[in-house]
Amino acid sequence: MTKPFGFKSTTDDVLAEIDVTGKRILVTGVSAGLGLETTRALASHGAQVVGTARDRDKASKALAEAGLDRSSIELVELDLADLGSVRSAADRLRMGRRPLDLVIANAGVMAPPPGLTADGFETQFGTNHLGHFAFVNRIAALMRPGSRLVMLASSGHRFSDVDLMDPNFDKTPYDPFIAYGRSKTANILFAVEFDRRYRALGLRATAVHPGGIQTELARHMGAERLQLLVDSINADLAKEGKPKMEWKTPQQGAATTLWAGLVADADDVGGRYCEDCQVSPVVSDESIGFASPGVRPYALDPETAKALWAKSEDWVSETFDLRLEATPVDARARRDPQESRRNIPG
């Protein structure tokens, strides 16, 4: 391993001794927050960034205001809450046949009011998990051997395990934080199964928690509800004899993403959950608040990860398995999505 990094490490600290010149790196959700900072850090260190955004104009303005050279950034329109948009964006990238060195699934939504995606899935599960599941799998053939997938998860996964029988809250009352927890647990489990399936092909995957950062992600919560959450976190920390929660800057928050994707040893982070530029311990004791480091065992369970993959294929009506195809970066065509569509069980 390289020199240790921690809570206060920044993106520039992490990249200081790493040469990313010419690497082609995809980042979802680059119009604000962690996605914008991740893009800034990578581009300023010489990487070629493929950035996705639901609103290209907003992303273009944000990148310009950040002073970034647009010649090193390619923007792709992508709405993760619409599988039609997901497929169109992935198809455009696949047609270009340009390999990727790292994929960072950064975009997401947190604690919105009850709602459904364009395809009828609960907003957070449909956007944070299923949108990324379909998009990443459709572009996975572009990933070079030796490249990695980094899923942006959260300590919020401790709110809930996935519910494979009732993902849309049809049988239980909707709770925005339970829904968020389900989607973030799904992000971790997706990384676990992606890593298991494709490590023999030279592709690895990991999940990361960036920490508490004040970004647009909390826009649905409102100041009062956000303060209640912070108060709850601080109460848990006080019980553990720890100081109050400390917010991270975007530069500190995005550091773990780049550490896990470019710096850490692949065997150390593959199929694992990371935070503060370290691999997190597994924490079974539910009395430990989610502001303390650690990942719940259910989020790393390999059997649940396999089951989630199978159910996700049913939900998006596509099957995915690079092991049945050519060497990832040399693949010239993926199967016709119409040939792999499957009916969702009633």
Protein backbone atom coordinates (compact mmCIF):
# COMPACT_ATOMS: atom_id res chain seq x y z
CA MET A 1 0.00 0.00 0.00
CA THR A 2 1.02 3.61 -0.47
CA LYS A 3 1.30 6.17 2.30
CA PRO A 4 -1.77 6.33 4.53
CA PHE A 5 -4.53 8.84 3.92
CA GLY A 6 -7.44 9.65 6.20
CA PHE A 7 -10.47 11.77 7.05
CA LYS A 8 -8.91 15.10 6.10
CA SER A 9 -7.10 13.94 2.95
CA THR A 10 -8.17 15.77 -0.20
CA THR A 11 -8.46 14.77 -3.84
CA ASP A 12 -5.23 16.59 -4.63
CA ASP A 13 -3.45 14.82 -1.76
CA VAL A 14 -4.54 11.44 -3.08
CA LEU A 15 -3.55 12.22 -6.68
CA ALA A 16 -0.25 13.93 -5.81
CA GLU A 17 1.90 10.91 -6.68
CA ILE A 18 -0.43 9.22 -9.17
CA ASP A 19 -0.05 9.72 -12.92
CA VAL A 20 -3.52 9.82 -14.50
CA THR A 21 -2.36 11.56 -17.67
CA GLY A 22 -4.35 10.25 -20.60
CA LYS A 23 -6.53 7.91 -18.54
CA ARG A 24 -10.17 7.91 -19.64
CA ILE A 25 -12.43 8.00 -16.60
CA LEU A 26 -16.22 8.08 -16.51
CA VAL A 27 -18.02 9.92 -13.70
CA THR A 28 -21.81 10.05 -13.37
CA GLY A 29 -23.42 13.20 -12.01
CA VAL A 30 -20.82 15.88 -12.73
CA SER A 31 -22.97 19.00 -12.54
CA ALA A 32 -22.53 19.60 -8.80
CA GLY A 33 -21.09 18.42 -5.50
CA LEU A 34 -18.80 15.41 -5.40
CA GLY A 35 -19.14 14.68 -9.09
CA LEU A 36 -17.97 18.17 -10.00
CA GLU A 37 -15.04 17.99 -7.57
CA THR A 38 -14.07 14.51 -8.79
CA THR A 39 -14.08 15.81 -12.35
CA ARG A 40 -12.05 18.89 -11.40
CA ALA A 41 -9.41 16.84 -9.63
CA LEU A 42 -9.06 14.28 -12.42
CA ALA A 43 -9.03 16.80 -15.26
CA SER A 44 -6.54 19.08 -13.51
CA HIS A 45 -4.19 16.10 -13.15
CA GLY A 46 -4.37 15.22 -16.84
CA ALA A 47 -7.16 12.65 -17.09
CA GLN A 48 -9.75 12.60 -19.85
CA VAL A 49 -13.14 12.66 -18.12
CA VAL A 50 -16.41 11.40 -19.55
CA GLY A 51 -18.99 13.13 -17.40
CA THR A 52 -22.69 12.34 -17.35
CA ALA A 53 -25.45 14.71 -16.32
CA ARG A 54 -29.20 14.80 -16.55
CA ASP A 55 -28.99 18.49 -17.53
CA ARG A 56 -26.11 19.14 -19.95
CA ASP A 57 -26.53 22.92 -19.78
CA LYS A 58 -26.28 22.92 -15.99
CA ALA A 59 -23.21 20.70 -16.16
CA SER A 60 -21.55 22.89 -18.80
CA LYS A 61 -22.12 25.98 -16.68
CA ALA A 62 -20.79 24.29 -13.54
CA LEU A 63 -17.66 23.07 -15.31
CA ALA A 64 -17.03 26.53 -16.75
CA GLU A 65 -17.47 28.17 -13.34
CA ALA A 66 -14.95 25.68 -11.94
CA GLY A 67 -12.47 26.92 -14.55
CA LEU A 68 -12.08 23.54 -16.22
CA ASP A 69 -10.72 23.10 -19.72
CA ARG A 70 -13.59 21.53 -21.63
CA SER A 71 -11.18 19.92 -24.09
CA SER A 72 -10.45 17.30 -21.42
CA ILE A 73 -14.12 16.64 -20.60
CA GLU A 74 -16.77 14.90 -22.69
CA LEU A 75 -20.35 15.43 -21.55
CA VAL A 76 -23.00 12.75 -22.02
CA GLU A 77 -26.68 13.28 -21.23
CA LEU A 78 -27.93 10.63 -18.81
CA ASP A 79 -31.05 10.46 -16.67
CA LEU A 80 -30.64 7.49 -14.34
CA ALA A 81 -34.34 7.64 -13.49
CA ASP A 82 -35.23 6.68 -17.08
CA LEU A 83 -33.98 3.36 -18.49
CA GLY A 84 -34.57 4.68 -22.00
CA SER A 85 -32.07 7.46 -21.32
CA VAL A 86 -29.71 4.94 -19.67
CA ARG A 87 -29.73 2.72 -22.76
CA SER A 88 -29.30 5.63 -25.16
CA ALA A 89 -26.31 7.02 -23.23
CA ALA A 90 -24.68 3.61 -22.97
CA ASP A 91 -25.25 2.92 -26.66
CA ARG A 92 -23.55 6.19 -27.63
CA LEU A 93 -20.51 5.32 -25.55
CA ARG A 94 -20.36 1.77 -26.86
CA MET A 95 -20.51 2.96 -30.45
CA GLY A 96 -17.43 5.09 -29.83
CA ARG A 97 -15.50 1.96 -28.75
CA ARG A 98 -13.11 4.03 -26.64
CA PRO A 99 -11.88 2.11 -23.58
CA LEU A 100 -12.36 3.24 -19.99
CA ASP A 101 -9.78 3.04 -17.19
CA LEU A 102 -12.16 3.75 -14.30
CA VAL A 103 -15.92 4.08 -13.84
CA ILE A 104 -17.23 6.15 -10.91
CA ALA A 105 -20.94 5.78 -10.20
CA ASN A 106 -21.38 9.03 -8.30
CA ALA A 107 -24.83 10.39 -9.16
CA GLY A 108 -27.76 9.88 -6.82
CA VAL A 109 -30.77 11.20 -4.97
CA MET A 110 -31.52 11.22 -1.24
CA ALA A 111 -34.77 11.29 0.76
CA PRO A 112 -37.18 12.71 -1.83
CA PRO A 113 -40.97 12.62 -1.39
CA PRO A 114 -42.70 9.42 -2.54
CA GLY A 115 -42.35 9.00 -6.28
CA LEU A 116 -41.56 6.68 -9.15
CA THR A 117 -39.01 6.68 -11.95
CA ALA A 118 -40.07 6.73 -15.60
CA ASP A 119 -40.16 2.93 -15.47
CA GLY A 120 -42.28 2.67 -12.33
CA PHE A 121 -39.63 2.02 -9.66
CA GLU A 122 -39.38 3.79 -6.31
CA THR A 123 -37.31 6.91 -7.03
CA GLN A 124 -34.24 6.18 -4.92
CA PHE A 125 -33.93 2.47 -5.67
CA GLY A 126 -34.68 3.07 -9.35
CA THR A 127 -32.20 5.93 -9.70
CA ASN A 128 -29.37 5.06 -7.32
CA HIS A 129 -29.31 1.32 -7.97
CA LEU A 130 -31.23 0.19 -11.06
CA GLY A 131 -30.15 3.13 -13.24
CA HIS A 132 -26.50 2.51 -12.41
CA PHE A 133 -26.92 -1.27 -12.61
CA ALA A 134 -28.16 -1.06 -16.20
CA PHE A 135 -25.77 1.71 -17.26
CA VAL A 136 -22.60 0.19 -15.81
CA ASN A 137 -23.35 -3.26 -17.14
CA ARG A 138 -24.03 -1.88 -20.61
CA ILE A 139 -20.67 -0.07 -20.75
CA ALA A 140 -18.66 -2.70 -18.87
CA ALA A 141 -17.32 -4.12 -22.15
CA LEU A 142 -15.43 -0.83 -22.57
CA MET A 143 -13.51 -1.26 -19.31
CA ARG A 144 -9.86 -2.18 -19.80
CA PRO A 145 -8.47 -5.15 -17.89
CA GLY A 146 -7.06 -3.62 -14.71
CA SER A 147 -9.78 -0.98 -14.46
CA ARG A 148 -12.18 -0.53 -11.56
CA LEU A 149 -15.75 0.37 -10.77
CA VAL A 150 -16.30 2.63 -7.75
CA MET A 151 -19.86 2.80 -6.42
CA LEU A 152 -20.72 5.83 -4.26
CA ALA A 153 -22.54 4.34 -1.30
CA SER A 154 -23.17 5.83 2.14
CA SER A 155 -23.23 5.10 5.84
CA GLY A 156 -26.95 5.53 5.20
CA HIS A 157 -26.91 1.88 4.14
CA ARG A 158 -27.32 1.21 7.87
CA PHE A 159 -30.91 2.45 7.63
CA SER A 160 -31.94 -0.75 5.86
CA ASP A 161 -30.98 -3.92 4.03
CA VAL A 162 -32.43 -4.37 0.53
CA ASP A 163 -35.97 -5.69 0.23
CA LEU A 164 -36.12 -7.93 -2.84
CA MET A 165 -39.81 -8.69 -2.34
CA ASP A 166 -41.11 -5.14 -1.93
CA PRO A 167 -38.69 -2.69 -3.61
CA ASN A 168 -41.45 -0.17 -4.39
CA PHE A 169 -43.02 -0.04 -0.90
CA ASP A 170 -46.22 -1.57 -2.25
CA LYS A 171 -46.71 -3.52 0.99
CA THR A 172 -45.10 -1.16 3.51
CA PRO A 173 -45.43 2.58 4.20
CA TYR A 174 -42.86 4.69 2.36
CA ASP A 175 -40.06 6.07 4.50
CA PRO A 176 -37.54 8.26 2.67
CA PHE A 177 -34.58 7.16 4.79
CA ILE A 178 -35.45 3.46 4.65
CA ALA A 179 -35.68 3.85 0.87
CA TYR A 180 -32.34 5.63 0.81
CA GLY A 181 -30.80 2.89 2.95
CA ARG A 182 -32.09 0.19 0.63
CA SER A 183 -30.63 1.93 -2.41
CA LYS A 184 -27.23 2.47 -0.79
CA THR A 185 -27.06 -1.12 0.44
CA ALA A 186 -27.86 -2.13 -3.14
CA ASN A 187 -24.94 -0.01 -4.39
CA ILE A 188 -22.57 -1.91 -2.10
CA LEU A 189 -24.00 -5.31 -3.03
CA PHE A 190 -23.71 -4.47 -6.73
CA ALA A 191 -19.99 -3.79 -6.23
CA VAL A 192 -19.61 -7.08 -4.34
CA GLU A 193 -21.16 -9.14 -7.15
CA PHE A 194 -19.51 -7.18 -9.99
CA ASP A 195 -16.15 -7.81 -8.35
CA ARG A 196 -16.85 -11.53 -7.87
CA ARG A 197 -18.03 -12.03 -11.43
CA TYR A 198 -15.35 -10.14 -13.27
CA ARG A 199 -12.14 -10.22 -11.25
CA ALA A 200 -10.92 -13.08 -13.48
CA LEU A 201 -11.33 -10.70 -16.42
CA GLY A 202 -9.19 -8.11 -14.65
CA LEU A 203 -12.08 -5.86 -13.57
CA ARG A 204 -12.55 -4.96 -9.89
CA ALA A 205 -15.24 -3.09 -7.99
CA THR A 206 -15.56 -1.39 -4.62
CA ALA A 207 -18.01 0.83 -2.76
CA VAL A 208 -17.18 3.99 -0.85
CA HIS A 209 -18.77 6.30 1.70
CA PRO A 210 -17.59 9.88 1.10
CA GLY A 211 -18.59 11.18 4.53
CA GLY A 212 -20.94 13.99 5.46
CA ILE A 213 -20.71 16.78 2.89
CA GLN A 214 -23.09 19.70 2.41
CA THR A 215 -24.04 19.33 -1.25
CA GLU A 216 -27.18 19.37 -3.40
CA LEU A 217 -27.80 15.74 -2.39
CA ALA A 218 -29.72 16.93 0.68
CA ARG A 219 -31.93 19.34 -1.27
CA HIS A 220 -35.10 17.31 -0.61
CA MET A 221 -34.61 17.29 3.15
CA GLY A 222 -34.93 20.94 4.08
CA ALA A 223 -32.92 22.68 6.80
CA GLU A 224 -35.10 21.50 9.69
CA ARG A 225 -35.07 17.80 8.79
CA LEU A 226 -31.34 17.94 8.04
CA GLN A 227 -30.67 19.46 11.46
CA LEU A 228 -32.75 16.73 13.12
CA LEU A 229 -30.60 14.12 11.38
CA VAL A 230 -27.39 15.85 12.49
CA ASP A 231 -28.72 16.08 16.06
CA SER A 232 -29.47 12.34 16.01
CA ILE A 233 -25.98 11.56 14.73
CA ASN A 234 -24.39 13.74 17.41
CA ALA A 235 -26.47 12.05 20.10
CA ASP A 236 -25.19 8.65 18.94
CA LEU A 237 -21.62 9.93 18.91
CA ALA A 238 -22.01 11.33 22.44
CA LYS A 239 -23.14 7.89 23.68
CA GLU A 240 -19.96 6.45 22.20
CA GLY A 241 -17.84 9.13 23.88
CA LYS A 242 -16.90 10.72 20.56
CA PRO A 243 -16.87 14.36 19.44
CA LYS A 244 -19.62 15.88 17.33
CA MET A 245 -19.93 15.18 13.63
CA GLU A 246 -17.52 17.09 11.42
CA TRP A 247 -18.55 18.01 7.90
CA LYS A 248 -16.12 17.27 5.10
CA THR A 249 -15.37 19.57 2.21
CA PRO A 250 -16.10 18.26 -1.30
CA GLN A 251 -12.32 17.90 -1.76
CA GLN A 252 -12.16 15.65 1.31
CA GLY A 253 -15.34 13.81 0.42
CA ALA A 254 -14.23 12.85 -3.08
CA ALA A 255 -10.79 11.74 -1.87
CA THR A 256 -11.94 8.24 -0.89
CA THR A 257 -13.44 7.74 -4.36
CA LEU A 258 -10.11 8.46 -6.05
CA TRP A 259 -8.12 6.56 -3.44
CA ALA A 260 -10.23 3.43 -3.95
CA GLY A 261 -10.25 3.78 -7.72
CA LEU A 262 -6.63 4.70 -8.41
CA VAL A 263 -4.38 4.36 -5.36
CA ALA A 264 -5.34 1.44 -3.12
CA ASP A 265 -4.29 -2.11 -3.94
CA ALA A 266 -7.06 -3.80 -5.94
CA ASP A 267 -7.05 -6.90 -3.75
CA ASP A 268 -7.46 -4.76 -0.64
CA VAL A 269 -10.54 -2.86 -1.85
CA GLY A 270 -12.12 -5.30 -4.33
CA GLY A 271 -15.59 -6.28 -3.12
CA ARG A 272 -15.17 -4.14 0.01
CA TYR A 273 -16.59 -0.91 1.47
CA CYS A 274 -14.27 2.03 2.13
CA GLU A 275 -14.41 5.36 3.97
CA ASP A 276 -11.85 7.99 5.00
CA CYS A 277 -9.41 6.47 2.47
CA GLN A 278 -9.39 3.17 4.34
CA VAL A 279 -11.15 -0.19 4.09
CA SER A 280 -13.97 -0.13 6.65
CA PRO A 281 -14.43 -2.70 9.41
CA VAL A 282 -17.54 -4.86 9.46
CA VAL A 283 -19.78 -3.67 12.32
CA SER A 284 -22.58 -5.93 13.54
CA ASP A 285 -23.38 -4.00 16.72
CA GLU A 286 -26.44 -1.91 15.85
CA SER A 287 -25.91 0.28 18.91
CA ILE A 288 -22.99 1.89 17.08
CA GLY A 289 -24.32 4.92 15.21
CA PHE A 290 -23.79 5.25 11.48
CA ALA A 291 -21.53 8.27 11.92
CA SER A 292 -18.90 5.87 13.24
CA PRO A 293 -16.86 3.93 10.67
CA GLY A 294 -18.08 0.54 9.59
CA VAL A 295 -20.25 -1.48 7.23
CA ARG A 296 -23.15 -3.77 8.13
CA PRO A 297 -22.58 -7.47 7.31
CA TYR A 298 -25.73 -7.63 5.18
CA ALA A 299 -24.26 -5.10 2.75
CA LEU A 300 -21.37 -7.43 1.93
CA ASP A 301 -23.30 -10.71 1.91
CA PRO A 302 -22.34 -12.59 -1.29
CA GLU A 303 -25.60 -14.56 -1.53
CA THR A 304 -27.71 -11.42 -1.21
CA ALA A 305 -25.49 -9.78 -3.83
CA LYS A 306 -26.14 -12.64 -6.26
CA ALA A 307 -29.88 -12.53 -5.57
CA LEU A 308 -29.99 -8.75 -6.06
CA TRP A 309 -28.18 -9.08 -9.41
CA ALA A 310 -30.72 -11.67 -10.63
CA LYS A 311 -33.70 -9.62 -9.49
CA SER A 312 -32.23 -6.46 -10.99
CA GLU A 313 -31.91 -8.19 -14.35
CA ASP A 314 -35.60 -9.08 -14.12
CA TRP A 315 -36.54 -5.53 -13.19
CA VAL A 316 -34.59 -3.89 -16.03
CA SER A 317 -35.52 -6.71 -18.45
CA GLU A 318 -31.93 -7.43 -19.51
CA THR A 319 -29.29 -10.01 -18.69
CA PHE A 320 -25.62 -9.19 -18.33
CA ASP A 321 -22.54 -11.41 -18.24
CA LEU A 322 -19.20 -10.28 -19.67
CA ARG A 323 -17.84 -13.77 -19.10
CA LEU A 324 -19.86 -14.93 -22.10
CA GLU A 325 -18.37 -12.26 -24.34
CA ALA A 326 -15.01 -11.29 -25.80
CA THR A 327 -12.18 -9.75 -23.77
CA PRO A 328 -13.91 -6.66 -22.27
CA VAL A 329 -12.13 -3.83 -24.04
CA ASP A 330 -11.97 -5.74 -27.34
CA ALA A 331 -15.67 -6.49 -27.47
CA ARG A 332 -17.11 -4.95 -30.62
CA ALA A 333 -20.78 -5.48 -29.91
CA ARG A 334 -23.03 -6.30 -27.01
CA ARG A 335 -26.11 -8.44 -27.44
CA ASP A 336 -29.21 -6.78 -28.85
CA PRO A 337 -31.16 -5.64 -25.79
CA GLN A 338 -34.36 -6.84 -27.43
CA GLU A 339 -32.97 -10.37 -27.54
CA SER A 340 -32.24 -10.37 -23.83
CA ARG A 341 -35.44 -8.84 -22.57
CA ARG A 342 -37.24 -10.93 -19.99
CA ASN A 343 -40.72 -10.48 -18.63
CA ILE A 344 -40.86 -9.23 -15.07
CA PRO A 345 -42.60 -11.83 -12.93
CA GLY A 346 -46.08 -10.84 -11.93
